[in-house]
Amino acid sequence: MQITPKEDGQIDPAHLLKAIYDSGVTATEMDVTAEGRVVKDASGELAFHFEPNRSWVITPNDQSRSLADVANTPSKITVTGQLYLKSGKKKANPAVPLKLLITKIQKTE
């Protein structure tokens, strides 16, 4: 299933994942394509900031390491990544923050 918000719409992936499970359907993975900025927190961890007050921690991998140079700059990027991958029989826990595993960097500005 693919969900695309209206141009001015917003989708909260954590709420969407919970709604899917609450409806009795099992989600096996959730991928996202989003535009935003890369920021680095005080501990040096990278996050993808995509709205005034929203961000996902980035799971370290080869793709994400290449973004360290644009962290905390005004550069906007478009990435595709995985926010959720089902593991075993456990269902998604909405209390656990989603982390972004970047699989593709589409463009940088």
N, C-alpha and C. Protein backbone atom coordinates (compact mmCIF):
# COMPACT_ATOMS: atom_id res chain seq x y z
N MET A 1 0.85 -1.16 0.00
CA MET A 1 0.00 0.00 0.00
C MET A 1 0.90 1.23 0.00
N GLN A 2 0.53 2.23 -0.73
CA GLN A 2 1.26 3.49 -0.77
C GLN A 2 0.31 4.60 -0.36
N ILE A 3 0.77 5.44 0.57
CA ILE A 3 -0.03 6.57 1.05
C ILE A 3 0.73 7.85 0.73
N THR A 4 0.06 8.75 0.03
CA THR A 4 0.66 10.03 -0.32
C THR A 4 -0.25 11.13 0.22
N PRO A 5 0.30 12.01 1.09
CA PRO A 5 -0.56 13.08 1.61
C PRO A 5 -0.82 14.14 0.55
N LYS A 6 -1.88 14.90 0.77
CA LYS A 6 -2.12 16.06 -0.09
C LYS A 6 -0.92 16.97 0.06
N GLU A 7 -0.76 17.88 -0.88
CA GLU A 7 0.42 18.74 -0.88
C GLU A 7 0.63 19.46 0.45
N ASP A 8 -0.44 19.91 1.07
CA ASP A 8 -0.30 20.61 2.34
C ASP A 8 -0.61 19.70 3.54
N GLY A 9 -0.79 18.42 3.30
CA GLY A 9 -1.15 17.48 4.36
C GLY A 9 0.06 16.92 5.08
N GLN A 10 -0.20 16.31 6.20
CA GLN A 10 0.86 15.71 7.00
C GLN A 10 0.42 14.32 7.43
N ILE A 11 1.38 13.42 7.48
CA ILE A 11 1.14 12.08 7.98
C ILE A 11 2.16 11.82 9.08
N ASP A 12 1.69 11.39 10.22
CA ASP A 12 2.58 11.00 11.31
C ASP A 12 2.77 9.49 11.21
N PRO A 13 3.96 9.04 10.79
CA PRO A 13 4.17 7.60 10.59
C PRO A 13 3.89 6.76 11.84
N ALA A 14 4.21 7.25 13.02
CA ALA A 14 3.96 6.49 14.24
C ALA A 14 2.46 6.28 14.45
N HIS A 15 1.67 7.34 14.23
CA HIS A 15 0.21 7.21 14.35
C HIS A 15 -0.36 6.31 13.25
N LEU A 16 0.19 6.40 12.06
CA LEU A 16 -0.26 5.56 10.96
C LEU A 16 0.02 4.09 11.27
N LEU A 17 1.20 3.79 11.78
CA LEU A 17 1.55 2.42 12.13
C LEU A 17 0.61 1.88 13.20
N LYS A 18 0.30 2.69 14.21
CA LYS A 18 -0.61 2.27 15.26
C LYS A 18 -2.01 2.02 14.69
N ALA A 19 -2.47 2.92 13.82
CA ALA A 19 -3.81 2.76 13.22
C ALA A 19 -3.89 1.48 12.39
N ILE A 20 -2.82 1.15 11.69
CA ILE A 20 -2.80 -0.07 10.90
C ILE A 20 -2.98 -1.28 11.81
N TYR A 21 -2.21 -1.34 12.89
CA TYR A 21 -2.31 -2.46 13.82
C TYR A 21 -3.66 -2.49 14.53
N ASP A 22 -4.17 -1.32 14.90
CA ASP A 22 -5.47 -1.26 15.58
C ASP A 22 -6.60 -1.75 14.68
N SER A 23 -6.41 -1.65 13.36
CA SER A 23 -7.45 -2.10 12.42
C SER A 23 -7.41 -3.62 12.22
N GLY A 24 -6.41 -4.28 12.79
CA GLY A 24 -6.30 -5.73 12.67
C GLY A 24 -5.38 -6.18 11.55
N VAL A 25 -4.74 -5.25 10.87
CA VAL A 25 -3.81 -5.57 9.80
C VAL A 25 -2.39 -5.52 10.36
N THR A 26 -1.51 -6.34 9.83
CA THR A 26 -0.12 -6.35 10.27
C THR A 26 0.75 -5.64 9.24
N ALA A 27 1.48 -4.65 9.68
CA ALA A 27 2.44 -3.96 8.81
C ALA A 27 3.77 -4.70 8.90
N THR A 28 4.39 -4.97 7.76
CA THR A 28 5.68 -5.64 7.79
C THR A 28 6.84 -4.68 7.64
N GLU A 29 6.61 -3.57 6.95
CA GLU A 29 7.62 -2.53 6.88
C GLU A 29 6.98 -1.21 6.48
N MET A 30 7.68 -0.13 6.80
CA MET A 30 7.21 1.20 6.43
C MET A 30 8.39 1.97 5.87
N ASP A 31 8.28 2.35 4.61
CA ASP A 31 9.30 3.14 3.94
C ASP A 31 8.77 4.55 3.75
N VAL A 32 9.68 5.51 3.64
CA VAL A 32 9.28 6.90 3.50
C VAL A 32 10.23 7.61 2.56
N THR A 33 9.71 8.58 1.82
CA THR A 33 10.53 9.52 1.08
C THR A 33 10.17 10.89 1.61
N ALA A 34 11.19 11.64 2.03
CA ALA A 34 10.93 12.93 2.67
C ALA A 34 12.04 13.93 2.36
N GLU A 35 11.68 15.20 2.45
CA GLU A 35 12.65 16.28 2.27
C GLU A 35 12.86 16.96 3.62
N GLY A 36 14.11 17.27 3.91
CA GLY A 36 14.42 17.95 5.17
C GLY A 36 15.90 18.25 5.30
N ARG A 37 16.32 18.44 6.54
CA ARG A 37 17.71 18.77 6.84
C ARG A 37 18.28 17.73 7.78
N VAL A 38 19.59 17.59 7.75
CA VAL A 38 20.29 16.71 8.67
C VAL A 38 20.83 17.57 9.80
N VAL A 39 20.57 17.15 11.02
CA VAL A 39 21.08 17.86 12.19
C VAL A 39 21.87 16.87 13.05
N LYS A 40 22.79 17.42 13.83
CA LYS A 40 23.59 16.60 14.74
C LYS A 40 23.32 17.11 16.15
N ASP A 41 22.97 16.19 17.06
CA ASP A 41 22.70 16.60 18.43
C ASP A 41 24.00 16.71 19.23
N ALA A 42 23.90 17.07 20.50
CA ALA A 42 25.08 17.28 21.35
C ALA A 42 25.94 16.03 21.48
N SER A 43 25.32 14.85 21.36
CA SER A 43 26.09 13.61 21.48
C SER A 43 26.70 13.18 20.14
N GLY A 44 26.45 13.94 19.08
CA GLY A 44 26.99 13.63 17.77
C GLY A 44 26.11 12.74 16.93
N GLU A 45 24.92 12.40 17.44
CA GLU A 45 23.99 11.55 16.71
C GLU A 45 23.27 12.36 15.63
N LEU A 46 23.14 11.78 14.42
CA LEU A 46 22.47 12.46 13.32
C LEU A 46 20.97 12.22 13.38
N ALA A 47 20.21 13.24 12.98
CA ALA A 47 18.76 13.13 12.89
C ALA A 47 18.31 13.82 11.61
N PHE A 48 17.18 13.37 11.09
CA PHE A 48 16.60 13.96 9.89
C PHE A 48 15.45 14.85 10.34
N HIS A 49 15.59 16.15 10.16
CA HIS A 49 14.62 17.15 10.61
C HIS A 49 13.76 17.55 9.41
N PHE A 50 12.44 17.31 9.50
CA PHE A 50 11.61 17.53 8.32
C PHE A 50 10.45 18.48 8.52
N GLU A 51 10.20 18.95 9.69
CA GLU A 51 9.18 19.95 9.96
C GLU A 51 9.69 20.81 11.10
N PRO A 52 9.01 21.89 11.42
CA PRO A 52 9.54 22.76 12.47
C PRO A 52 9.90 22.03 13.77
N ASN A 53 9.11 21.07 14.18
CA ASN A 53 9.38 20.40 15.45
C ASN A 53 9.39 18.88 15.34
N ARG A 54 9.72 18.35 14.16
CA ARG A 54 9.68 16.90 13.99
C ARG A 54 10.97 16.40 13.37
N SER A 55 11.43 15.27 13.87
CA SER A 55 12.63 14.66 13.31
C SER A 55 12.67 13.18 13.68
N TRP A 56 13.48 12.44 12.94
CA TRP A 56 13.75 11.04 13.24
C TRP A 56 15.24 10.89 13.45
N VAL A 57 15.63 10.11 14.45
CA VAL A 57 17.03 9.75 14.62
C VAL A 57 17.40 8.88 13.43
N ILE A 58 18.60 9.09 12.91
CA ILE A 58 19.08 8.32 11.76
C ILE A 58 19.88 7.12 12.25
N THR A 59 19.52 5.93 11.76
CA THR A 59 20.28 4.73 12.07
C THR A 59 21.58 4.79 11.26
N PRO A 60 22.72 4.67 11.94
CA PRO A 60 24.00 4.77 11.21
C PRO A 60 24.18 3.66 10.18
N ASN A 61 24.60 4.04 8.98
CA ASN A 61 25.00 3.11 7.92
C ASN A 61 25.87 3.89 6.94
N ASP A 62 26.31 3.25 5.85
CA ASP A 62 27.18 3.93 4.89
C ASP A 62 26.51 5.16 4.29
N GLN A 63 25.21 5.07 4.00
CA GLN A 63 24.48 6.21 3.43
C GLN A 63 24.47 7.38 4.41
N SER A 64 24.14 7.11 5.65
CA SER A 64 24.01 8.20 6.63
C SER A 64 25.36 8.85 6.94
N ARG A 65 26.43 8.08 6.93
CA ARG A 65 27.75 8.66 7.21
C ARG A 65 28.12 9.71 6.18
N SER A 66 27.63 9.55 4.96
CA SER A 66 27.94 10.52 3.91
C SER A 66 27.21 11.85 4.15
N LEU A 67 26.25 11.87 5.08
CA LEU A 67 25.50 13.10 5.36
C LEU A 67 26.11 13.95 6.47
N ALA A 68 27.14 13.46 7.11
CA ALA A 68 27.75 14.20 8.22
C ALA A 68 28.21 15.59 7.80
N ASP A 69 28.66 15.73 6.56
CA ASP A 69 29.16 17.03 6.08
C ASP A 69 28.07 18.09 5.94
N VAL A 70 26.81 17.67 5.77
CA VAL A 70 25.73 18.65 5.62
C VAL A 70 24.94 18.83 6.92
N ALA A 71 25.36 18.15 7.99
CA ALA A 71 24.66 18.28 9.27
C ALA A 71 24.77 19.71 9.79
N ASN A 72 23.65 20.21 10.31
CA ASN A 72 23.56 21.54 10.90
C ASN A 72 23.85 22.66 9.91
N THR A 73 23.60 22.40 8.62
CA THR A 73 23.70 23.44 7.61
C THR A 73 22.29 23.65 7.06
N PRO A 74 22.07 24.73 6.31
CA PRO A 74 20.74 24.95 5.75
C PRO A 74 20.41 24.03 4.57
N SER A 75 21.35 23.17 4.15
CA SER A 75 21.13 22.30 2.99
C SER A 75 19.95 21.37 3.20
N LYS A 76 19.04 21.35 2.22
CA LYS A 76 17.91 20.43 2.25
C LYS A 76 18.25 19.23 1.38
N ILE A 77 17.80 18.06 1.81
CA ILE A 77 18.01 16.85 1.05
C ILE A 77 16.70 16.07 0.96
N THR A 78 16.62 15.21 -0.03
CA THR A 78 15.50 14.28 -0.16
C THR A 78 16.06 12.88 -0.01
N VAL A 79 15.49 12.12 0.90
CA VAL A 79 15.96 10.77 1.16
C VAL A 79 14.81 9.78 1.09
N THR A 80 15.16 8.54 0.82
CA THR A 80 14.24 7.42 0.96
C THR A 80 14.83 6.53 2.03
N GLY A 81 13.98 6.02 2.89
CA GLY A 81 14.49 5.17 3.94
C GLY A 81 13.40 4.33 4.57
N GLN A 82 13.81 3.52 5.50
CA GLN A 82 12.90 2.61 6.18
C GLN A 82 12.71 3.08 7.62
N LEU A 83 11.45 3.24 8.01
CA LEU A 83 11.12 3.65 9.37
C LEU A 83 10.74 2.47 10.26
N TYR A 84 10.32 1.39 9.64
CA TYR A 84 9.87 0.25 10.43
C TYR A 84 10.05 -1.02 9.63
N LEU A 85 10.55 -2.06 10.29
CA LEU A 85 10.64 -3.39 9.70
C LEU A 85 10.22 -4.38 10.77
N LYS A 86 9.20 -5.15 10.48
CA LYS A 86 8.66 -6.10 11.45
C LYS A 86 9.71 -7.15 11.76
N SER A 87 9.85 -7.44 13.04
CA SER A 87 10.80 -8.44 13.49
C SER A 87 10.07 -9.48 14.31
N GLY A 88 10.04 -10.70 13.84
CA GLY A 88 9.35 -11.77 14.57
C GLY A 88 7.85 -11.55 14.61
N LYS A 89 7.23 -11.97 15.71
CA LYS A 89 5.77 -11.88 15.82
C LYS A 89 5.32 -10.65 16.61
N LYS A 90 6.29 -9.87 17.09
CA LYS A 90 5.92 -8.70 17.88
C LYS A 90 5.30 -7.63 17.00
N LYS A 91 4.28 -6.97 17.52
CA LYS A 91 3.70 -5.86 16.77
C LYS A 91 4.42 -4.58 17.15
N ALA A 92 4.25 -3.56 16.33
CA ALA A 92 4.92 -2.28 16.55
C ALA A 92 4.52 -1.69 17.88
N ASN A 93 5.49 -1.13 18.58
CA ASN A 93 5.24 -0.47 19.85
C ASN A 93 5.24 1.04 19.59
N PRO A 94 4.07 1.70 19.66
CA PRO A 94 4.01 3.13 19.35
C PRO A 94 4.79 4.00 20.33
N ALA A 95 5.18 3.45 21.48
CA ALA A 95 5.94 4.22 22.46
C ALA A 95 7.42 4.31 22.07
N VAL A 96 7.88 3.42 21.19
CA VAL A 96 9.27 3.43 20.76
C VAL A 96 9.40 4.35 19.56
N PRO A 97 10.26 5.38 19.65
CA PRO A 97 10.40 6.31 18.52
C PRO A 97 10.91 5.59 17.27
N LEU A 98 10.38 5.96 16.13
CA LEU A 98 10.83 5.40 14.87
C LEU A 98 12.20 5.97 14.52
N LYS A 99 13.07 5.14 13.97
CA LYS A 99 14.39 5.57 13.51
C LYS A 99 14.44 5.40 12.01
N LEU A 100 15.12 6.30 11.34
CA LEU A 100 15.20 6.30 9.89
C LEU A 100 16.48 5.61 9.44
N LEU A 101 16.33 4.52 8.68
CA LEU A 101 17.46 3.84 8.04
C LEU A 101 17.46 4.32 6.59
N ILE A 102 18.40 5.19 6.26
CA ILE A 102 18.44 5.78 4.92
C ILE A 102 18.93 4.75 3.92
N THR A 103 18.15 4.56 2.86
CA THR A 103 18.52 3.61 1.81
C THR A 103 18.92 4.30 0.52
N LYS A 104 18.51 5.57 0.37
CA LYS A 104 18.85 6.30 -0.85
C LYS A 104 18.81 7.79 -0.58
N ILE A 105 19.83 8.48 -1.03
CA ILE A 105 19.85 9.94 -0.98
C ILE A 105 19.53 10.40 -2.39
N GLN A 106 18.38 11.07 -2.55
CA GLN A 106 17.94 11.41 -3.89
C GLN A 106 18.51 12.72 -4.39
N LYS A 107 18.58 13.72 -3.52
CA LYS A 107 19.16 14.99 -3.97
C LYS A 107 19.57 15.81 -2.77
N THR A 108 20.54 16.66 -2.99
CA THR A 108 20.94 17.61 -1.96
C THR A 108 20.92 19.00 -2.59
N GLU A 109 20.57 19.97 -1.78
CA GLU A 109 20.56 21.38 -2.26
C GLU A 109 21.51 22.19 -1.43
